[in-house]
C-alpha atoms as a PDB file:
ATOM      1  CA  MET A   1      47.358 115.649  84.645  1.00  0.00           C
ATOM      2  CA  SER A   2      50.451 117.722  83.945  1.00  0.00           C
ATOM      3  CA  ASN A   3      50.838 120.141  81.044  1.00  0.00           C
ATOM      4  CA  LYS A   4      54.560 119.433  80.695  1.00  0.00           C
ATOM      5  CA  PRO A   5      55.777 118.275  77.292  1.00  0.00           C
ATOM      6  CA  PRO A   6      57.196 114.733  77.189  1.00  0.00           C
ATOM      7  CA  ARG A   7      60.901 114.469  77.901  1.00  0.00           C
ATOM      8  CA  THR A   8      63.186 113.826  74.999  1.00  0.00           C
ATOM      9  CA  SER A   9      66.697 112.518  75.215  1.00  0.00           C
ATOM     10  CA  ARG A  10      69.565 114.452  73.689  1.00  0.00           C
ATOM     11  CA  PRO A  11      72.894 112.959  72.698  1.00  0.00           C
ATOM     12  CA  ALA A  12      75.779 113.856  74.968  1.00  0.00           C
ATOM     13  CA  LEU A  13      78.030 114.433  71.975  1.00  0.00           C
ATOM     14  CA  ARG A  14      77.080 116.172  68.782  1.00  0.00           C
ATOM     15  CA  ASN A  15      78.710 115.541  65.470  1.00  0.00           C
ATOM     16  CA  VAL A  16      81.944 117.510  65.610  1.00  0.00           C
ATOM     17  CA  ALA A  17      84.414 117.819  62.786  1.00  0.00           C
ATOM     18  CA  PRO A  18      87.654 115.865  63.462  1.00  0.00           C
ATOM     19  CA  ASP A  19      89.714 119.000  62.744  1.00  0.00           C
ATOM     20  CA  ALA A  20      87.886 120.856  65.518  1.00  0.00           C
ATOM     21  CA  VAL A  21      88.613 118.054  67.980  1.00  0.00           C
ATOM     22  CA  ALA A  22      92.262 117.906  66.922  1.00  0.00           C
ATOM     23  CA  SER A  23      92.687 121.671  67.311  1.00  0.00           C
ATOM     24  CA  TYR A  24      91.025 121.527  70.736  1.00  0.00           C
ATOM     25  CA  LEU A  25      93.227 118.694  71.969  1.00  0.00           C
ATOM     26  CA  GLY A  26      96.378 120.111  70.423  1.00  0.00           C
ATOM     27  CA  ASP A  27      99.373 117.784  70.674  1.00  0.00           C
ATOM     28  CA  ARG A  28      97.535 115.180  72.712  1.00  0.00           C
ATOM     29  CA  THR A  29      96.229 113.325  69.672  1.00  0.00           C
ATOM     30  CA  PRO A  30      98.054 111.970  66.643  1.00  0.00           C
ATOM     31  CA  SER A  31      97.996 114.237  63.644  1.00  0.00           C
ATOM     32  CA  THR A  32      95.338 113.572  61.051  1.00  0.00           C
ATOM     33  CA  SER A  33      98.089 112.922  58.486  1.00  0.00           C
ATOM     34  CA  GLN A  34      99.161 109.845  60.433  1.00  0.00           C
ATOM     35  CA  ALA A  35      97.835 106.611  59.053  1.00  0.00           C
ATOM     36  CA  PRO A  36      95.212 104.873  61.202  1.00  0.00           C
ATOM     37  CA  GLY A  37      96.562 102.044  63.332  1.00  0.00           C
ATOM     38  CA  THR A  38     100.131 103.376  63.459  1.00  0.00           C
ATOM     39  CA  SER A  39     101.779 104.694  66.604  1.00  0.00           C
ATOM     40  CA  ALA A  40     103.458 108.085  66.903  1.00  0.00           C
ATOM     41  CA  ASN A  41     106.802 106.323  67.522  1.00  0.00           C
ATOM     42  CA  GLU A  42     106.774 104.877  64.009  1.00  0.00           C
ATOM     43  CA  ASN A  43     107.248 108.390  62.620  1.00  0.00           C
ATOM     44  CA  LEU A  44     110.481 108.885  64.580  1.00  0.00           C
ATOM     45  CA  THR A  45     113.974 108.346  63.274  1.00  0.00           C
ATOM     46  CA  PRO A  46     115.955 105.579  64.999  1.00  0.00           C
ATOM     47  CA  ALA A  47     118.017 108.218  66.870  1.00  0.00           C
ATOM     48  CA  GLU A  48     114.865 110.009  68.056  1.00  0.00           C
ATOM     49  CA  LEU A  49     113.324 106.707  69.092  1.00  0.00           C
ATOM     50  CA  GLU A  50     116.425 105.851  71.155  1.00  0.00           C
ATOM     51  CA  LYS A  51     116.192 109.240  72.895  1.00  0.00           C
ATOM     52  CA  VAL A  52     112.505 108.690  73.692  1.00  0.00           C
ATOM     53  CA  ILE A  53     113.207 105.210  75.071  1.00  0.00           C
ATOM     54  CA  ALA A  54     116.146 106.497  77.163  1.00  0.00           C
ATOM     55  CA  MET A  55     114.031 109.335  78.535  1.00  0.00           C
ATOM     56  CA  ARG A  56     111.196 106.944  79.494  1.00  0.00           C
ATOM     57  CA  GLN A  57     113.698 104.640  81.209  1.00  0.00           C
ATOM     58  CA  ARG A  58     115.191 107.589  83.145  1.00  0.00           C
ATOM     59  CA  VAL A  59     111.723 108.683  84.263  1.00  0.00           C
ATOM     60  CA  SER A  60     110.870 105.113  85.267  1.00  0.00           C
ATOM     61  CA  ARG A  61     114.087 104.750  87.299  1.00  0.00           C
ATOM     62  CA  GLN A  62     113.454 108.116  89.020  1.00  0.00           C
ATOM     63  CA  LYS A  63     109.914 107.075  89.953  1.00  0.00           C
ATOM     64  CA  ALA A  64     111.248 103.795  91.366  1.00  0.00           C
ATOM     65  CA  ARG A  65     113.850 105.699  93.422  1.00  0.00           C
ATOM     66  CA  ASP A  66     111.161 108.075  94.713  1.00  0.00           C
ATOM     67  CA  ARG A  67     108.885 105.160  95.702  1.00  0.00           C
ATOM     68  CA  ASP A  68     111.790 103.408  97.453  1.00  0.00           C
ATOM     69  CA  LYS A  69     112.730 106.590  99.334  1.00  0.00           C
ATOM     70  CA  ALA A  70     109.105 107.138 100.445  1.00  0.00           C
ATOM     71  CA  ARG A  71     108.880 103.501 101.602  1.00  0.00           C
ATOM     72  CA  LYS A  72     112.051 103.859 103.674  1.00  0.00           C
ATOM     73  CA  GLN A  73     110.895 107.147 105.236  1.00  0.00           C
ATOM     74  CA  ALA A  74     107.405 105.869 106.124  1.00  0.00           C
ATOM     75  CA  PRO A  75     108.283 104.631 109.659  1.00  0.00           C
ATOM     76  CA  ASN A  76     109.716 108.074 110.547  1.00  0.00           C
ATOM     77  CA  ARG A  77     106.886 110.109 109.059  1.00  0.00           C
ATOM     78  CA  SER A  78     104.378 111.755 111.405  1.00  0.00           C
ATOM     79  CA  LEU A  79     101.589 114.249 110.881  1.00  0.00           C
ATOM     80  CA  PHE A  80     101.193 117.068 113.374  1.00  0.00           C
ATOM     81  CA  LEU A  81      98.652 119.852 113.279  1.00  0.00           C
ATOM     82  CA  LEU A  82     100.525 123.037 114.118  1.00  0.00           C
ATOM     83  CA  PRO A  83      99.247 126.600 114.495  1.00  0.00           C
ATOM     84  CA  ASP A  84      99.959 128.812 111.467  1.00  0.00           C
ATOM     85  CA  ASP A  85     102.184 131.217 113.383  1.00  0.00           C
ATOM     86  CA  LEU A  86     104.332 128.338 114.669  1.00  0.00           C
ATOM     87  CA  ARG A  87     104.663 126.849 111.166  1.00  0.00           C
ATOM     88  CA  ARG A  88     105.731 130.259 109.814  1.00  0.00           C
ATOM     89  CA  VAL A  89     108.378 130.644 112.519  1.00  0.00           C
ATOM     90  CA  LEU A  90     109.726 127.130 111.863  1.00  0.00           C
ATOM     91  CA  ALA A  91     109.882 127.900 108.131  1.00  0.00           C
ATOM     92  CA  LEU A  92     111.684 131.190 108.795  1.00  0.00           C
ATOM     93  CA  ILE A  93     114.247 129.550 111.092  1.00  0.00           C
ATOM     94  CA  ALA A  94     114.816 126.762 108.556  1.00  0.00           C
ATOM     95  CA  GLU A  95     115.380 129.306 105.803  1.00  0.00           C
ATOM     96  CA  GLN A  96     117.751 131.394 107.937  1.00  0.00           C
ATOM     97  CA  GLU A  97     119.750 128.337 108.972  1.00  0.00           C
ATOM     98  CA  SER A  98     119.646 126.723 105.510  1.00  0.00           C
ATOM     99  CA  VAL A  99     118.201 123.469 106.846  1.00  0.00           C
ATOM    100  CA  SER A 100     114.858 121.698 106.435  1.00  0.00           C
ATOM    101  CA  GLN A 101     111.825 122.516 108.544  1.00  0.00           C
ATOM    102  CA  SER A 102     111.772 118.897 109.682  1.00  0.00           C
ATOM    103  CA  GLN A 103     115.317 119.232 111.033  1.00  0.00           C
ATOM    104  CA  VAL A 104     114.422 122.445 112.904  1.00  0.00           C
ATOM    105  CA  ALA A 105     111.330 120.821 114.433  1.00  0.00           C
ATOM    106  CA  THR A 106     113.304 117.683 115.376  1.00  0.00           C
ATOM    107  CA  PHE A 107     116.059 119.718 117.035  1.00  0.00           C
ATOM    108  CA  LEU A 108     113.620 121.883 119.005  1.00  0.00           C
ATOM    109  CA  LEU A 109     111.576 118.857 120.072  1.00  0.00           C
ATOM    110  CA  TYR A 110     114.703 117.104 121.367  1.00  0.00           C
ATOM    111  CA  GLU A 111     115.653 120.258 123.302  1.00  0.00           C
ATOM    112  CA  ALA A 112     112.161 120.571 124.811  1.00  0.00           C
ATOM    113  CA  LEU A 113     112.118 116.857 125.657  1.00  0.00           C
ATOM    114  CA  HIS A 114     115.473 117.202 127.410  1.00  0.00           C
ATOM    115  CA  GLN A 115     114.153 120.137 129.461  1.00  0.00           C
ATOM    116  CA  TYR A 116     110.935 118.243 130.256  1.00  0.00           C
ATOM    117  CA  GLN A 117     112.892 115.199 131.460  1.00  0.00           C
ATOM    118  CA  GLU A 118     115.073 117.415 133.670  1.00  0.00           C
ATOM    119  CA  GLY A 119     111.978 119.024 135.197  1.00  0.00           C
ATOM    120  CA  LYS A 120     112.748 122.444 133.673  1.00  0.00           C
ATOM    121  CA  LEU A 121     109.626 122.314 131.497  1.00  0.00           C
ATOM    122  CA  SER A 122     106.213 121.564 132.935  1.00  0.00           C
ATOM    123  CA  PHE A 123     102.647 121.384 131.675  1.00  0.00           C
ATOM    124  CA  GLU A 124     101.443 122.660 135.049  1.00  0.00           C
ATOM    125  CA  GLY A 125      98.707 125.250 134.593  1.00  0.00           C
ATOM    126  CA  HIS A 126      98.301 124.511 130.894  1.00  0.00           C
ATOM    127  CA  LYS A 127      96.199 121.335 131.160  1.00  0.00           C
ATOM    128  CA  ARG A 128      92.461 121.211 131.614  1.00  0.00           C
ATOM    129  CA  ALA A 129      89.785 118.551 131.319  1.00  0.00           C
ATOM    130  CA  SER A 130      89.018 117.621 127.730  1.00  0.00           C
ATOM    131  CA  ASN A 131      85.603 117.224 126.146  1.00  0.00           C
ATOM    132  CA  SER A 132      87.058 114.529 123.891  1.00  0.00           C
ATOM    133  CA  PRO A 133      86.251 110.901 124.678  1.00  0.00           C
ATOM    134  CA  ARG A 134      89.787 110.048 123.517  1.00  0.00           C
ATOM    135  CA  TRP A 135      91.855 112.292 125.791  1.00  0.00           C
ATOM    136  CA  GLN A 136      91.484 113.025 129.472  1.00  0.00           C
ATOM    137  CA  PHE A 137      93.214 116.417 129.199  1.00  0.00           C
ATOM    138  CA  GLU A 138      93.729 119.207 126.716  1.00  0.00           C
ATOM    139  CA  LEU A 139      97.110 120.963 126.610  1.00  0.00           C
ATOM    140  CA  VAL A 140      97.261 124.496 125.205  1.00  0.00           C
ATOM    141  CA  HIS A 141     100.388 126.638 125.125  1.00  0.00           C
ATOM    142  CA  PRO A 142      99.763 130.301 126.045  1.00  0.00           C
ATOM    143  CA  ASN A 143     101.205 131.395 122.673  1.00  0.00           C
ATOM    144  CA  ASP A 144      98.691 129.242 120.794  1.00  0.00           C
ATOM    145  CA  ILE A 145      96.300 132.174 120.489  1.00  0.00           C
ATOM    146  CA  LYS A 146      93.721 130.468 118.286  1.00  0.00           C
ATOM    147  CA  ARG A 147      93.247 127.415 120.543  1.00  0.00           C
ATOM    148  CA  ALA A 148      93.531 129.540 123.692  1.00  0.00           C
ATOM    149  CA  ALA A 149      90.648 131.712 122.421  1.00  0.00           C
ATOM    150  CA  GLN A 150      88.678 128.595 121.516  1.00  0.00           C
ATOM    151  CA  ARG A 151      89.356 127.225 124.993  1.00  0.00           C
ATOM    152  CA  GLY A 152      88.105 130.459 126.569  1.00  0.00           C
ATOM    153  CA  SER A 153      84.878 130.449 124.528  1.00  0.00           C
ATOM    154  CA  GLN A 154      84.228 126.815 125.460  1.00  0.00           C
ATOM    155  CA  SER A 155      84.714 127.448 129.179  1.00  0.00           C
ATOM    156  CA  GLY A 156      81.461 129.448 129.247  1.00  0.00           C
ATOM    157  CA  LYS A 157      79.578 126.422 127.911  1.00  0.00           C
ATOM    158  CA  ASN A 158      80.525 124.159 130.842  1.00  0.00           C
END
């Protein structure tokens, strides 16, 4: 038999004075001077109430525009995992040229694609068998130092 005392339950919340809660929450709760059951908007003047309503409508319209823009961009959105040094260079070029990083990446990809299609760019010597069940080959650029090092450490395992 155990010598442990029996477990007792303790309330999650202790009795706390309403003023302490109000001071902790700050502006997030109605003031204690406000009558119970009334909303904060009832204490506003008609002009202030109009401003609040107009602001909420503006915010609502902006959110709708943002959702619509995201919906329209969805088919063109892609996620690529890029090495840190490459991301930094793209960001630097974008800043120097005063354009977005997406536009820099798009431009450079089109240029590389054009060279690839003309036979001026080749993956020869940069492909090796992949350990992934999804891909037959792994392609690592010589400047991708992190993956090149990882590739070298894995070659001893084979």
